[in-house]
């Protein structure tokens, strides 16, 4: 599985899960048990993971939902959609 979103916002995680569920994309939320060690203060972000073969479609769904800024592109096979840096 590959990370598509990393956040400590439970509402965003729930929304992303709902979007992916509707599209038939399986997800796994990693690091949910870190809340035990952090005392529920929300320091450690959770990771939304999708199957590698679903990553591109999941990224497109997030872009269409205007959530593209949350996409974790490091290690993905797709370069960033928007780049403000000049080579």
PDB file of N, CA and C in Angstrom:
ATOM      1  N   UNK A   1       0.843  -1.178   0.000  1.00  0.00           N
ATOM      2  CA  UNK A   1       0.000   0.000   0.000  1.00  0.00           C
ATOM      3  C   UNK A   1       0.887   1.239   0.000  1.00  0.00           C
ATOM      4  N   UNK A   2       0.320   2.323  -0.451  1.00  0.00           N
ATOM      5  CA  UNK A   2       1.076   3.559  -0.602  1.00  0.00           C
ATOM      6  C   UNK A   2       0.306   4.721   0.028  1.00  0.00           C
ATOM      7  N   UNK A   3       1.038   5.615   0.684  1.00  0.00           N
ATOM      8  CA  UNK A   3       0.422   6.769   1.340  1.00  0.00           C
ATOM      9  C   UNK A   3      -0.146   7.718   0.294  1.00  0.00           C
ATOM     10  N   UNK A   4      -1.372   8.176   0.527  1.00  0.00           N
ATOM     11  CA  UNK A   4      -1.989   9.178  -0.342  1.00  0.00           C
ATOM     12  C   UNK A   4      -2.258  10.466   0.429  1.00  0.00           C
ATOM     13  N   UNK A   5      -2.558  10.345   1.744  1.00  0.00           N
ATOM     14  CA  UNK A   5      -2.825  11.522   2.590  1.00  0.00           C
ATOM     15  C   UNK A   5      -2.191  11.282   3.951  1.00  0.00           C
ATOM     16  N   UNK A   6      -1.618  12.341   4.502  1.00  0.00           N
ATOM     17  CA  UNK A   6      -1.078  12.304   5.871  1.00  0.00           C
ATOM     18  C   UNK A   6      -1.618  13.532   6.603  1.00  0.00           C
ATOM     19  N   UNK A   7      -2.372  13.288   7.684  1.00  0.00           N
ATOM     20  CA  UNK A   7      -2.975  14.394   8.431  1.00  0.00           C
ATOM     21  C   UNK A   7      -3.359  13.930   9.832  1.00  0.00           C
ATOM     22  N   UNK A   8      -3.539  14.878  10.721  1.00  0.00           N
ATOM     23  CA  UNK A   8      -4.075  14.544  12.037  1.00  0.00           C
ATOM     24  C   UNK A   8      -5.505  15.091  12.187  1.00  0.00           C
ATOM     25  N   UNK A   9      -6.135  15.447  11.087  1.00  0.00           N
ATOM     26  CA  UNK A   9      -7.506  15.951  11.068  1.00  0.00           C
ATOM     27  C   UNK A   9      -8.472  14.775  10.860  1.00  0.00           C
ATOM     28  N   UNK A  10      -9.182  14.358  11.907  1.00  0.00           N
ATOM     29  CA  UNK A  10     -10.066  13.196  11.772  1.00  0.00           C
ATOM     30  C   UNK A  10     -11.234  13.426  10.808  1.00  0.00           C
ATOM     31  N   UNK A  11     -11.656  14.666  10.657  1.00  0.00           N
ATOM     32  CA  UNK A  11     -12.749  14.969   9.732  1.00  0.00           C
ATOM     33  C   UNK A  11     -12.278  14.771   8.290  1.00  0.00           C
ATOM     34  N   UNK A  12     -11.083  15.238   7.984  1.00  0.00           N
ATOM     35  CA  UNK A  12     -10.520  15.052   6.645  1.00  0.00           C
ATOM     36  C   UNK A  12     -10.347  13.569   6.345  1.00  0.00           C
ATOM     37  N   UNK A  13      -9.834  12.825   7.310  1.00  0.00           N
ATOM     38  CA  UNK A  13      -9.639  11.387   7.116  1.00  0.00           C
ATOM     39  C   UNK A  13     -10.976  10.711   6.819  1.00  0.00           C
ATOM     40  N   UNK A  14     -11.992  11.058   7.564  1.00  0.00           N
ATOM     41  CA  UNK A  14     -13.317  10.479   7.364  1.00  0.00           C
ATOM     42  C   UNK A  14     -13.864  10.824   5.977  1.00  0.00           C
ATOM     43  N   UNK A  15     -13.676  12.067   5.558  1.00  0.00           N
ATOM     44  CA  UNK A  15     -14.156  12.500   4.241  1.00  0.00           C
ATOM     45  C   UNK A  15     -13.423  11.766   3.125  1.00  0.00           C
ATOM     46  N   UNK A  16     -12.102  11.659   3.255  1.00  0.00           N
ATOM     47  CA  UNK A  16     -11.302  10.946   2.250  1.00  0.00           C
ATOM     48  C   UNK A  16     -11.732   9.481   2.183  1.00  0.00           C
ATOM     49  N   UNK A  17     -11.930   8.864   3.330  1.00  0.00           N
ATOM     50  CA  UNK A  17     -12.401   7.473   3.353  1.00  0.00           C
ATOM     51  C   UNK A  17     -13.739   7.337   2.626  1.00  0.00           C
ATOM     52  N   UNK A  18     -14.650   8.276   2.865  1.00  0.00           N
ATOM     53  CA  UNK A  18     -15.962   8.230   2.214  1.00  0.00           C
ATOM     54  C   UNK A  18     -15.831   8.393   0.698  1.00  0.00           C
ATOM     55  N   UNK A  19     -14.991   9.314   0.256  1.00  0.00           N
ATOM     56  CA  UNK A  19     -14.770   9.496  -1.181  1.00  0.00           C
ATOM     57  C   UNK A  19     -14.236   8.221  -1.826  1.00  0.00           C
ATOM     58  N   UNK A  20     -13.252   7.628  -1.164  1.00  0.00           N
ATOM     59  CA  UNK A  20     -12.642   6.420  -1.720  1.00  0.00           C
ATOM     60  C   UNK A  20     -13.602   5.234  -1.658  1.00  0.00           C
ATOM     61  N   UNK A  21     -14.367   5.124  -0.589  1.00  0.00           N
ATOM     62  CA  UNK A  21     -15.344   4.034  -0.469  1.00  0.00           C
ATOM     63  C   UNK A  21     -16.345   4.120  -1.612  1.00  0.00           C
ATOM     64  N   UNK A  22     -16.822   5.338  -1.884  1.00  0.00           N
ATOM     65  CA  UNK A  22     -17.786   5.539  -2.968  1.00  0.00           C
ATOM     66  C   UNK A  22     -17.196   5.149  -4.326  1.00  0.00           C
ATOM     67  N   UNK A  23     -15.890   5.358  -4.483  1.00  0.00           N
ATOM     68  CA  UNK A  23     -15.208   5.029  -5.737  1.00  0.00           C
ATOM     69  C   UNK A  23     -14.751   3.572  -5.780  1.00  0.00           C
ATOM     70  N   UNK A  24     -14.955   2.837  -4.695  1.00  0.00           N
ATOM     71  CA  UNK A  24     -14.546   1.433  -4.670  1.00  0.00           C
ATOM     72  C   UNK A  24     -13.062   1.237  -4.433  1.00  0.00           C
ATOM     73  N   UNK A  25     -12.414   2.225  -3.808  1.00  0.00           N
ATOM     74  CA  UNK A  25     -10.985   2.144  -3.524  1.00  0.00           C
ATOM     75  C   UNK A  25     -10.802   1.744  -2.062  1.00  0.00           C
ATOM     76  N   UNK A  26     -10.103   0.640  -1.842  1.00  0.00           N
ATOM     77  CA  UNK A  26      -9.843   0.163  -0.483  1.00  0.00           C
ATOM     78  C   UNK A  26      -8.819   1.072   0.190  1.00  0.00           C
ATOM     79  N   UNK A  27      -9.040   1.357   1.470  1.00  0.00           N
ATOM     80  CA  UNK A  27      -8.107   2.189   2.223  1.00  0.00           C
ATOM     81  C   UNK A  27      -7.700   1.488   3.510  1.00  0.00           C
ATOM     82  N   UNK A  28      -6.588   1.935   4.030  1.00  0.00           N
ATOM     83  CA  UNK A  28      -6.140   1.524   5.357  1.00  0.00           C
ATOM     84  C   UNK A  28      -5.636   2.782   6.050  1.00  0.00           C
ATOM     85  N   UNK A  29      -6.072   2.995   7.297  1.00  0.00           N
ATOM     86  CA  UNK A  29      -5.613   4.145   8.062  1.00  0.00           C
ATOM     87  C   UNK A  29      -4.524   3.659   9.004  1.00  0.00           C
ATOM     88  N   UNK A  30      -3.311   4.126   8.779  1.00  0.00           N
ATOM     89  CA  UNK A  30      -2.169   3.727   9.593  1.00  0.00           C
ATOM     90  C   UNK A  30      -1.953   4.736  10.711  1.00  0.00           C
ATOM     91  N   UNK A  31      -1.332   4.288  11.767  1.00  0.00           N
ATOM     92  CA  UNK A  31      -0.952   5.124  12.914  1.00  0.00           C
ATOM     93  C   UNK A  31      -2.130   5.540  13.783  1.00  0.00           C
ATOM     94  N   UNK A  32      -3.243   4.857  13.690  1.00  0.00           N
ATOM     95  CA  UNK A  32      -4.391   5.220  14.518  1.00  0.00           C
ATOM     96  C   UNK A  32      -4.146   4.916  15.990  1.00  0.00           C
ATOM     97  N   UNK A  33      -3.312   3.945  16.269  1.00  0.00           N
ATOM     98  CA  UNK A  33      -3.055   3.578  17.663  1.00  0.00           C
ATOM     99  C   UNK A  33      -2.003   4.468  18.324  1.00  0.00           C
ATOM    100  N   UNK A  34      -1.438   5.395  17.581  1.00  0.00           N
ATOM    101  CA  UNK A  34      -0.492   6.349  18.172  1.00  0.00           C
ATOM    102  C   UNK A  34      -1.192   7.244  19.185  1.00  0.00           C
ATOM    103  N   UNK A  35      -2.505   7.368  19.080  1.00  0.00           N
ATOM    104  CA  UNK A  35      -3.245   8.207  20.020  1.00  0.00           C
ATOM    105  C   UNK A  35      -3.097   7.705  21.453  1.00  0.00           C
ATOM    106  N   UNK A  36      -2.840   6.417  21.611  1.00  0.00           N
ATOM    107  CA  UNK A  36      -2.639   5.858  22.946  1.00  0.00           C
ATOM    108  C   UNK A  36      -1.374   6.439  23.572  1.00  0.00           C
ATOM    109  N   UNK A  37      -0.327   6.545  22.771  1.00  0.00           N
ATOM    110  CA  UNK A  37       0.941   7.060  23.299  1.00  0.00           C
ATOM    111  C   UNK A  37       0.967   8.574  23.395  1.00  0.00           C
ATOM    112  N   UNK A  38       0.210   9.246  22.548  1.00  0.00           N
ATOM    113  CA  UNK A  38       0.245  10.709  22.569  1.00  0.00           C
ATOM    114  C   UNK A  38      -0.803  11.318  23.483  1.00  0.00           C
ATOM    115  N   UNK A  39      -1.715  10.513  24.008  1.00  0.00           N
ATOM    116  CA  UNK A  39      -2.737  11.034  24.902  1.00  0.00           C
ATOM    117  C   UNK A  39      -3.821  11.832  24.206  1.00  0.00           C
ATOM    118  N   UNK A  40      -4.126  11.514  22.937  1.00  0.00           N
ATOM    119  CA  UNK A  40      -5.193  12.156  22.167  1.00  0.00           C
ATOM    120  C   UNK A  40      -4.960  13.647  21.913  1.00  0.00           C
ATOM    121  N   UNK A  41      -3.706  14.090  21.882  1.00  0.00           N
ATOM    122  CA  UNK A  41      -3.461  15.515  21.626  1.00  0.00           C
ATOM    123  C   UNK A  41      -3.292  15.829  20.143  1.00  0.00           C
ATOM    124  N   UNK A  42      -3.271  14.815  19.293  1.00  0.00           N
ATOM    125  CA  UNK A  42      -3.252  15.026  17.847  1.00  0.00           C
ATOM    126  C   UNK A  42      -1.913  15.438  17.270  1.00  0.00           C
ATOM    127  N   UNK A  43      -0.824  15.014  17.891  1.00  0.00           N
ATOM    128  CA  UNK A  43       0.501  15.397  17.409  1.00  0.00           C
ATOM    129  C   UNK A  43       0.928  14.555  16.208  1.00  0.00           C
ATOM    130  N   UNK A  44       0.695  13.271  16.275  1.00  0.00           N
ATOM    131  CA  UNK A  44       1.147  12.368  15.216  1.00  0.00           C
ATOM    132  C   UNK A  44       0.094  12.252  14.120  1.00  0.00           C
ATOM    133  N   UNK A  45       0.465  12.558  12.889  1.00  0.00           N
ATOM    134  CA  UNK A  45      -0.508  12.449  11.802  1.00  0.00           C
ATOM    135  C   UNK A  45      -0.818  10.994  11.471  1.00  0.00           C
ATOM    136  N   UNK A  46      -2.028  10.772  11.021  1.00  0.00           N
ATOM    137  CA  UNK A  46      -2.438   9.455  10.540  1.00  0.00           C
ATOM    138  C   UNK A  46      -2.158   9.413   9.046  1.00  0.00           C
ATOM    139  N   UNK A  47      -1.976   8.215   8.526  1.00  0.00           N
ATOM    140  CA  UNK A  47      -1.717   8.054   7.099  1.00  0.00           C
ATOM    141  C   UNK A  47      -2.849   7.270   6.461  1.00  0.00           C
ATOM    142  N   UNK A  48      -3.380   7.795   5.364  1.00  0.00           N
ATOM    143  CA  UNK A  48      -4.376   7.089   4.571  1.00  0.00           C
ATOM    144  C   UNK A  48      -3.610   6.396   3.455  1.00  0.00           C
ATOM    145  N   UNK A  49      -3.737   5.081   3.404  1.00  0.00           N
ATOM    146  CA  UNK A  49      -3.023   4.300   2.402  1.00  0.00           C
ATOM    147  C   UNK A  49      -4.013   3.668   1.424  1.00  0.00           C
ATOM    148  N   UNK A  50      -3.587   3.570   0.176  1.00  0.00           N
ATOM    149  CA  UNK A  50      -4.368   2.895  -0.856  1.00  0.00           C
ATOM    150  C   UNK A  50      -3.439   1.919  -1.566  1.00  0.00           C
ATOM    151  N   UNK A  51      -4.021   0.971  -2.279  1.00  0.00           N
ATOM    152  CA  UNK A  51      -3.206   0.049  -3.059  1.00  0.00           C
ATOM    153  C   UNK A  51      -2.440   0.831  -4.124  1.00  0.00           C
ATOM    154  N   UNK A  52      -1.254   0.376  -4.408  1.00  0.00           N
ATOM    155  CA  UNK A  52      -0.408   1.086  -5.372  1.00  0.00           C
ATOM    156  C   UNK A  52      -1.103   1.271  -6.713  1.00  0.00           C
ATOM    157  N   UNK A  53      -1.851   0.257  -7.144  1.00  0.00           N
ATOM    158  CA  UNK A  53      -2.532   0.362  -8.442  1.00  0.00           C
ATOM    159  C   UNK A  53      -3.717   1.327  -8.405  1.00  0.00           C
ATOM    160  N   UNK A  54      -4.186   1.711  -7.214  1.00  0.00           N
ATOM    161  CA  UNK A  54      -5.285   2.672  -7.077  1.00  0.00           C
ATOM    162  C   UNK A  54      -4.803   4.096  -6.810  1.00  0.00           C
ATOM    163  N   UNK A  55      -3.485   4.279  -6.635  1.00  0.00           N
ATOM    164  CA  UNK A  55      -2.971   5.574  -6.206  1.00  0.00           C
ATOM    165  C   UNK A  55      -3.320   6.698  -7.188  1.00  0.00           C
ATOM    166  N   UNK A  56      -3.108   6.479  -8.463  1.00  0.00           N
ATOM    167  CA  UNK A  56      -3.378   7.525  -9.472  1.00  0.00           C
ATOM    168  C   UNK A  56      -4.850   7.938  -9.457  1.00  0.00           C
ATOM    169  N   UNK A  57      -5.741   6.953  -9.414  1.00  0.00           N
ATOM    170  CA  UNK A  57      -7.176   7.255  -9.406  1.00  0.00           C
ATOM    171  C   UNK A  57      -7.564   7.958  -8.110  1.00  0.00           C
ATOM    172  N   UNK A  58      -6.990   7.531  -6.990  1.00  0.00           N
ATOM    173  CA  UNK A  58      -7.262   8.167  -5.700  1.00  0.00           C
ATOM    174  C   UNK A  58      -6.793   9.624  -5.718  1.00  0.00           C
ATOM    175  N   UNK A  59      -5.620   9.871  -6.281  1.00  0.00           N
ATOM    176  CA  UNK A  59      -5.105  11.235  -6.390  1.00  0.00           C
ATOM    177  C   UNK A  59      -6.030  12.091  -7.257  1.00  0.00           C
ATOM    178  N   UNK A  60      -6.534  11.519  -8.338  1.00  0.00           N
ATOM    179  CA  UNK A  60      -7.456  12.252  -9.208  1.00  0.00           C
ATOM    180  C   UNK A  60      -8.749  12.598  -8.466  1.00  0.00           C
ATOM    181  N   UNK A  61      -9.245  11.672  -7.671  1.00  0.00           N
ATOM    182  CA  UNK A  61     -10.461  11.921  -6.886  1.00  0.00           C
ATOM    183  C   UNK A  61     -10.233  13.065  -5.908  1.00  0.00           C
ATOM    184  N   UNK A  62      -9.082  13.073  -5.255  1.00  0.00           N
ATOM    185  CA  UNK A  62      -8.774  14.151  -4.318  1.00  0.00           C
ATOM    186  C   UNK A  62      -8.641  15.491  -5.038  1.00  0.00           C
ATOM    187  N   UNK A  63      -8.004  15.491  -6.202  1.00  0.00           N
ATOM    188  CA  UNK A  63      -7.888  16.729  -6.988  1.00  0.00           C
ATOM    189  C   UNK A  63      -9.269  17.253  -7.358  1.00  0.00           C
ATOM    190  N   UNK A  64     -10.155  16.361  -7.798  1.00  0.00           N
ATOM    191  CA  UNK A  64     -11.502  16.767  -8.203  1.00  0.00           C
ATOM    192  C   UNK A  64     -12.317  17.279  -7.017  1.00  0.00           C
ATOM    193  N   UNK A  65     -11.994  16.805  -5.820  1.00  0.00           N
ATOM    194  CA  UNK A  65     -12.689  17.260  -4.607  1.00  0.00           C
ATOM    195  C   UNK A  65     -12.009  18.487  -4.001  1.00  0.00           C
ATOM    196  N   UNK A  66     -11.065  19.077  -4.742  1.00  0.00           N
ATOM    197  CA  UNK A  66     -10.310  20.253  -4.297  1.00  0.00           C
ATOM    198  C   UNK A  66      -9.511  19.973  -3.019  1.00  0.00           C
ATOM    199  N   UNK A  67      -8.978  18.745  -2.932  1.00  0.00           N
ATOM    200  CA  UNK A  67      -8.147  18.342  -1.806  1.00  0.00           C
ATOM    201  C   UNK A  67      -6.732  17.975  -2.260  1.00  0.00           C
ATOM    202  N   UNK A  68      -6.349  18.464  -3.420  1.00  0.00           N
ATOM    203  CA  UNK A  68      -5.040  18.135  -3.980  1.00  0.00           C
ATOM    204  C   UNK A  68      -3.872  18.529  -3.106  1.00  0.00           C
ATOM    205  N   UNK A  69      -4.040  19.549  -2.280  1.00  0.00           N
ATOM    206  CA  UNK A  69      -2.946  19.991  -1.415  1.00  0.00           C
ATOM    207  C   UNK A  69      -2.616  18.961  -0.346  1.00  0.00           C
ATOM    208  N   UNK A  70      -3.495  17.995  -0.117  1.00  0.00           N
ATOM    209  CA  UNK A  70      -3.268  16.970   0.907  1.00  0.00           C
ATOM    210  C   UNK A  70      -2.574  15.731   0.360  1.00  0.00           C
ATOM    211  N   UNK A  71      -2.416  15.642  -0.960  1.00  0.00           N
ATOM    212  CA  UNK A  71      -1.826  14.448  -1.566  1.00  0.00           C
ATOM    213  C   UNK A  71      -0.350  14.358  -1.219  1.00  0.00           C
ATOM    214  N   UNK A  72       0.049  13.207  -0.708  1.00  0.00           N
ATOM    215  CA  UNK A  72       1.461  12.949  -0.423  1.00  0.00           C
ATOM    216  C   UNK A  72       2.062  12.388  -1.702  1.00  0.00           C
ATOM    217  N   UNK A  73       2.915  13.179  -2.329  1.00  0.00           N
ATOM    218  CA  UNK A  73       3.476  12.779  -3.621  1.00  0.00           C
ATOM    219  C   UNK A  73       4.871  12.190  -3.519  1.00  0.00           C
ATOM    220  N   UNK A  74       5.518  12.309  -2.363  1.00  0.00           N
ATOM    221  CA  UNK A  74       6.856  11.750  -2.216  1.00  0.00           C
ATOM    222  C   UNK A  74       6.800  10.241  -2.361  1.00  0.00           C
ATOM    223  N   UNK A  75       7.649   9.719  -3.195  1.00  0.00           N
ATOM    224  CA  UNK A  75       7.689   8.282  -3.414  1.00  0.00           C
ATOM    225  C   UNK A  75       6.626   7.795  -4.382  1.00  0.00           C
ATOM    226  N   UNK A  76       5.762   8.696  -4.851  1.00  0.00           N
ATOM    227  CA  UNK A  76       4.746   8.268  -5.815  1.00  0.00           C
ATOM    228  C   UNK A  76       5.362   8.196  -7.199  1.00  0.00           C
ATOM    229  N   UNK A  77       4.652   7.580  -8.101  1.00  0.00           N
ATOM    230  CA  UNK A  77       5.141   7.463  -9.474  1.00  0.00           C
ATOM    231  C   UNK A  77       4.740   8.669 -10.311  1.00  0.00           C
ATOM    232  N   UNK A  78       4.004   9.597  -9.722  1.00  0.00           N
ATOM    233  CA  UNK A  78       3.525  10.763 -10.440  1.00  0.00           C
ATOM    234  C   UNK A  78       4.207  12.011  -9.886  1.00  0.00           C
ATOM    235  N   UNK A  79       4.751  12.868 -10.736  1.00  0.00           N
ATOM    236  CA  UNK A  79       5.361  14.106 -10.244  1.00  0.00           C
ATOM    237  C   UNK A  79       4.288  15.042  -9.708  1.00  0.00           C
ATOM    238  N   UNK A  80       4.663  16.010  -8.880  1.00  0.00           N
ATOM    239  CA  UNK A  80       3.688  16.968  -8.349  1.00  0.00           C
ATOM    240  C   UNK A  80       2.919  17.659  -9.463  1.00  0.00           C
ATOM    241  N   UNK A  81       1.634  17.878  -9.248  1.00  0.00           N
ATOM    242  CA  UNK A  81       0.777  18.508 -10.247  1.00  0.00           C
ATOM    243  C   UNK A  81       1.136  19.966 -10.436  1.00  0.00           C
ATOM    244  N   UNK A  82       1.488  20.638  -9.353  1.00  0.00           N
ATOM    245  CA  UNK A  82       1.819  22.057  -9.396  1.00  0.00           C
ATOM    246  C   UNK A  82       3.210  22.251  -8.825  1.00  0.00           C
ATOM    247  N   UNK A  83       4.044  22.949  -9.556  1.00  0.00           N
ATOM    248  CA  UNK A  83       5.389  23.207  -9.056  1.00  0.00           C
ATOM    249  C   UNK A  83       5.684  24.696  -9.185  1.00  0.00           C
ATOM    250  N   UNK A  84       5.979  25.328  -8.051  1.00  0.00           N
ATOM    251  CA  UNK A  84       6.279  26.746  -8.056  1.00  0.00           C
ATOM    252  C   UNK A  84       7.765  27.010  -8.193  1.00  0.00           C
ATOM    253  N   UNK A  85       8.553  25.968  -8.171  1.00  0.00           N
ATOM    254  CA  UNK A  85      10.007  26.128  -8.233  1.00  0.00           C
ATOM    255  C   UNK A  85      10.485  26.095  -9.682  1.00  0.00           C
ATOM    256  N   UNK A  86      11.447  26.935  -9.986  1.00  0.00           N
ATOM    257  CA  UNK A  86      12.061  26.916 -11.310  1.00  0.00           C
ATOM    258  C   UNK A  86      13.288  26.021 -11.257  1.00  0.00           C
ATOM    259  N   UNK A  87      13.497  25.211 -12.324  1.00  0.00           N
ATOM    260  CA  UNK A  87      14.655  24.300 -12.321  1.00  0.00           C
ATOM    261  C   UNK A  87      15.970  25.043 -12.356  1.00  0.00           C
TER     262      UNK A  87
END
